[in-house]
Amino acid sequence: MASTKEYRDFILEQMSKVPNVTCRPMMGEFLLYSDGVLFGGIYDDRLLVKKVPENQEFQMPEAIPYDGAKPMFLVEDVDDQDLLATIINQTKGGLQNGN
């Protein structure tokens, strides 16, 4: 199932506290970047972020974005903009550190 543009728009609005977020469509889903760093995506109307040591403290469940892909973390509480910004910034930081 592809993600909807309505869910994409909702998630982008929820990420308003994250600097320089961009979104690129990819095969019916959406890849998410902050400052040019690919930190996650929207898959089947679910927000998933890459797994790095810096975001494990949030104890998010793992989810598979699509068949054959590596597990990512599922962000369940997308309504808390402050928490969402913290998760994304820590994920981005971990990716920038080479994790």
C-alpha atoms as a PDB file:
ATOM      1  CA  MET A   1       0.000   0.000   0.000  1.00  0.00           C
ATOM      2  CA  ALA A   2       1.373   3.414  -0.898  1.00  0.00           C
ATOM      3  CA  SER A   3       1.398   6.309   1.525  1.00  0.00           C
ATOM      4  CA  THR A   4      -1.092   9.104   1.061  1.00  0.00           C
ATOM      5  CA  LYS A   5      -0.204  12.709   0.366  1.00  0.00           C
ATOM      6  CA  GLU A   6      -2.499  13.684   3.241  1.00  0.00           C
ATOM      7  CA  TYR A   7      -0.417  11.657   5.719  1.00  0.00           C
ATOM      8  CA  ARG A   8       2.783  13.070   4.209  1.00  0.00           C
ATOM      9  CA  ASP A   9       1.461  16.608   4.670  1.00  0.00           C
ATOM     10  CA  PHE A  10       0.438  15.835   8.263  1.00  0.00           C
ATOM     11  CA  ILE A  11       3.892  14.442   9.106  1.00  0.00           C
ATOM     12  CA  LEU A  12       5.676  17.367   7.479  1.00  0.00           C
ATOM     13  CA  GLU A  13       3.537  19.745   9.544  1.00  0.00           C
ATOM     14  CA  GLN A  14       4.351  17.776  12.723  1.00  0.00           C
ATOM     15  CA  MET A  15       8.077  18.114  11.900  1.00  0.00           C
ATOM     16  CA  SER A  16       7.930  21.905  11.807  1.00  0.00           C
ATOM     17  CA  LYS A  17      10.468  22.087  14.676  1.00  0.00           C
ATOM     18  CA  VAL A  18      13.070  20.123  12.692  1.00  0.00           C
ATOM     19  CA  PRO A  19      15.389  22.283  10.572  1.00  0.00           C
ATOM     20  CA  ASN A  20      15.465  22.061   6.789  1.00  0.00           C
ATOM     21  CA  VAL A  21      13.213  19.032   6.264  1.00  0.00           C
ATOM     22  CA  THR A  22      12.716  17.946   2.679  1.00  0.00           C
ATOM     23  CA  CYS A  23      10.648  15.115   1.266  1.00  0.00           C
ATOM     24  CA  ARG A  24      11.191  13.140  -1.928  1.00  0.00           C
ATOM     25  CA  PRO A  25       8.681  10.726  -3.434  1.00  0.00           C
ATOM     26  CA  MET A  26      10.012   7.231  -4.058  1.00  0.00           C
ATOM     27  CA  MET A  27       7.876   4.437  -5.527  1.00  0.00           C
ATOM     28  CA  GLY A  28       4.661   5.451  -3.755  1.00  0.00           C
ATOM     29  CA  GLU A  29       6.406   6.285  -0.480  1.00  0.00           C
ATOM     30  CA  PHE A  30       8.334   9.331   0.771  1.00  0.00           C
ATOM     31  CA  LEU A  31      11.981   9.688   1.827  1.00  0.00           C
ATOM     32  CA  LEU A  32      12.695  12.296   4.515  1.00  0.00           C
ATOM     33  CA  TYR A  33      15.824  14.411   4.826  1.00  0.00           C
ATOM     34  CA  SER A  34      17.030  17.076   7.244  1.00  0.00           C
ATOM     35  CA  ASP A  35      19.972  19.232   6.176  1.00  0.00           C
ATOM     36  CA  GLY A  36      20.488  16.758   3.332  1.00  0.00           C
ATOM     37  CA  VAL A  37      20.727  13.731   5.660  1.00  0.00           C
ATOM     38  CA  LEU A  38      18.338  10.861   4.891  1.00  0.00           C
ATOM     39  CA  PHE A  39      16.958  10.038   8.342  1.00  0.00           C
ATOM     40  CA  GLY A  40      13.817   8.077   7.520  1.00  0.00           C
ATOM     41  CA  GLY A  41      10.679   7.908   5.500  1.00  0.00           C
ATOM     42  CA  ILE A  42       6.961   7.482   5.306  1.00  0.00           C
ATOM     43  CA  TYR A  43       6.039   3.914   4.399  1.00  0.00           C
ATOM     44  CA  ASP A  44       2.437   2.673   4.301  1.00  0.00           C
ATOM     45  CA  ASP A  45       1.357   5.795   6.217  1.00  0.00           C
ATOM     46  CA  ARG A  46       3.871   5.076   8.994  1.00  0.00           C
ATOM     47  CA  LEU A  47       6.784   7.298  10.021  1.00  0.00           C
ATOM     48  CA  LEU A  48       9.975   5.236  10.235  1.00  0.00           C
ATOM     49  CA  VAL A  49      13.460   6.426  11.163  1.00  0.00           C
ATOM     50  CA  LYS A  50      16.804   4.738  10.669  1.00  0.00           C
ATOM     51  CA  LYS A  51      18.198   2.777  13.588  1.00  0.00           C
ATOM     52  CA  VAL A  52      21.241   4.356  15.233  1.00  0.00           C
ATOM     53  CA  PRO A  53      22.598   4.066  18.797  1.00  0.00           C
ATOM     54  CA  GLU A  54      21.593   7.676  19.444  1.00  0.00           C
ATOM     55  CA  ASN A  55      17.854   6.961  19.084  1.00  0.00           C
ATOM     56  CA  GLN A  56      17.634   3.610  20.894  1.00  0.00           C
ATOM     57  CA  GLU A  57      16.793   5.317  24.196  1.00  0.00           C
ATOM     58  CA  PHE A  58      13.278   6.000  22.869  1.00  0.00           C
ATOM     59  CA  GLN A  59      12.531   2.252  22.804  1.00  0.00           C
ATOM     60  CA  MET A  60      10.579   2.439  19.565  1.00  0.00           C
ATOM     61  CA  PRO A  61       9.368  -0.799  17.991  1.00  0.00           C
ATOM     62  CA  GLU A  62      11.080  -2.096  14.884  1.00  0.00           C
ATOM     63  CA  ALA A  63       9.215  -2.159  11.577  1.00  0.00           C
ATOM     64  CA  ILE A  64      10.114  -3.240   8.066  1.00  0.00           C
ATOM     65  CA  PRO A  65       9.480  -0.442   5.540  1.00  0.00           C
ATOM     66  CA  TYR A  66       9.124  -2.840   2.590  1.00  0.00           C
ATOM     67  CA  ASP A  67       9.966  -6.442   1.715  1.00  0.00           C
ATOM     68  CA  GLY A  68      13.696  -7.099   1.824  1.00  0.00           C
ATOM     69  CA  ALA A  69      14.577  -3.888   3.684  1.00  0.00           C
ATOM     70  CA  LYS A  70      16.474  -3.560   6.942  1.00  0.00           C
ATOM     71  CA  PRO A  71      14.375  -2.880  10.042  1.00  0.00           C
ATOM     72  CA  MET A  72      13.818   0.712  11.060  1.00  0.00           C
ATOM     73  CA  PHE A  73      12.229   2.269  14.130  1.00  0.00           C
ATOM     74  CA  LEU A  74       8.515   3.086  14.028  1.00  0.00           C
ATOM     75  CA  VAL A  75       7.680   6.497  15.497  1.00  0.00           C
ATOM     76  CA  GLU A  76       4.312   5.899  17.120  1.00  0.00           C
ATOM     77  CA  ASP A  77       3.795   9.262  18.862  1.00  0.00           C
ATOM     78  CA  VAL A  78       3.752  11.629  15.899  1.00  0.00           C
ATOM     79  CA  ASP A  79       1.503  14.090  17.755  1.00  0.00           C
ATOM     80  CA  ASP A  80       4.250  15.239  20.169  1.00  0.00           C
ATOM     81  CA  GLN A  81       6.193  17.731  18.044  1.00  0.00           C
ATOM     82  CA  ASP A  82       8.940  18.250  20.636  1.00  0.00           C
ATOM     83  CA  LEU A  83       9.571  14.523  21.037  1.00  0.00           C
ATOM     84  CA  LEU A  84       9.443  14.055  17.276  1.00  0.00           C
ATOM     85  CA  ALA A  85      12.050  16.796  16.777  1.00  0.00           C
ATOM     86  CA  THR A  86      14.304  15.217  19.410  1.00  0.00           C
ATOM     87  CA  ILE A  87      14.048  11.756  17.829  1.00  0.00           C
ATOM     88  CA  ILE A  88      14.820  13.103  14.361  1.00  0.00           C
ATOM     89  CA  ASN A  89      17.706  15.325  15.511  1.00  0.00           C
ATOM     90  CA  GLN A  90      19.297  12.448  17.427  1.00  0.00           C
ATOM     91  CA  THR A  91      18.819  10.126  14.464  1.00  0.00           C
ATOM     92  CA  LYS A  92      20.389  12.686  12.139  1.00  0.00           C
ATOM     93  CA  GLY A  93      23.266  13.207  14.581  1.00  0.00           C
ATOM     94  CA  GLY A  94      23.949   9.491  14.705  1.00  0.00           C
ATOM     95  CA  LEU A  95      23.967   9.251  10.927  1.00  0.00           C
ATOM     96  CA  GLN A  96      26.325  12.219  10.667  1.00  0.00           C
ATOM     97  CA  ASN A  97      28.651  10.458  13.125  1.00  0.00           C
ATOM     98  CA  GLY A  98      28.808   7.463  10.805  1.00  0.00           C
ATOM     99  CA  ASN A  99      26.395   5.147  12.641  1.00  0.00           C
END
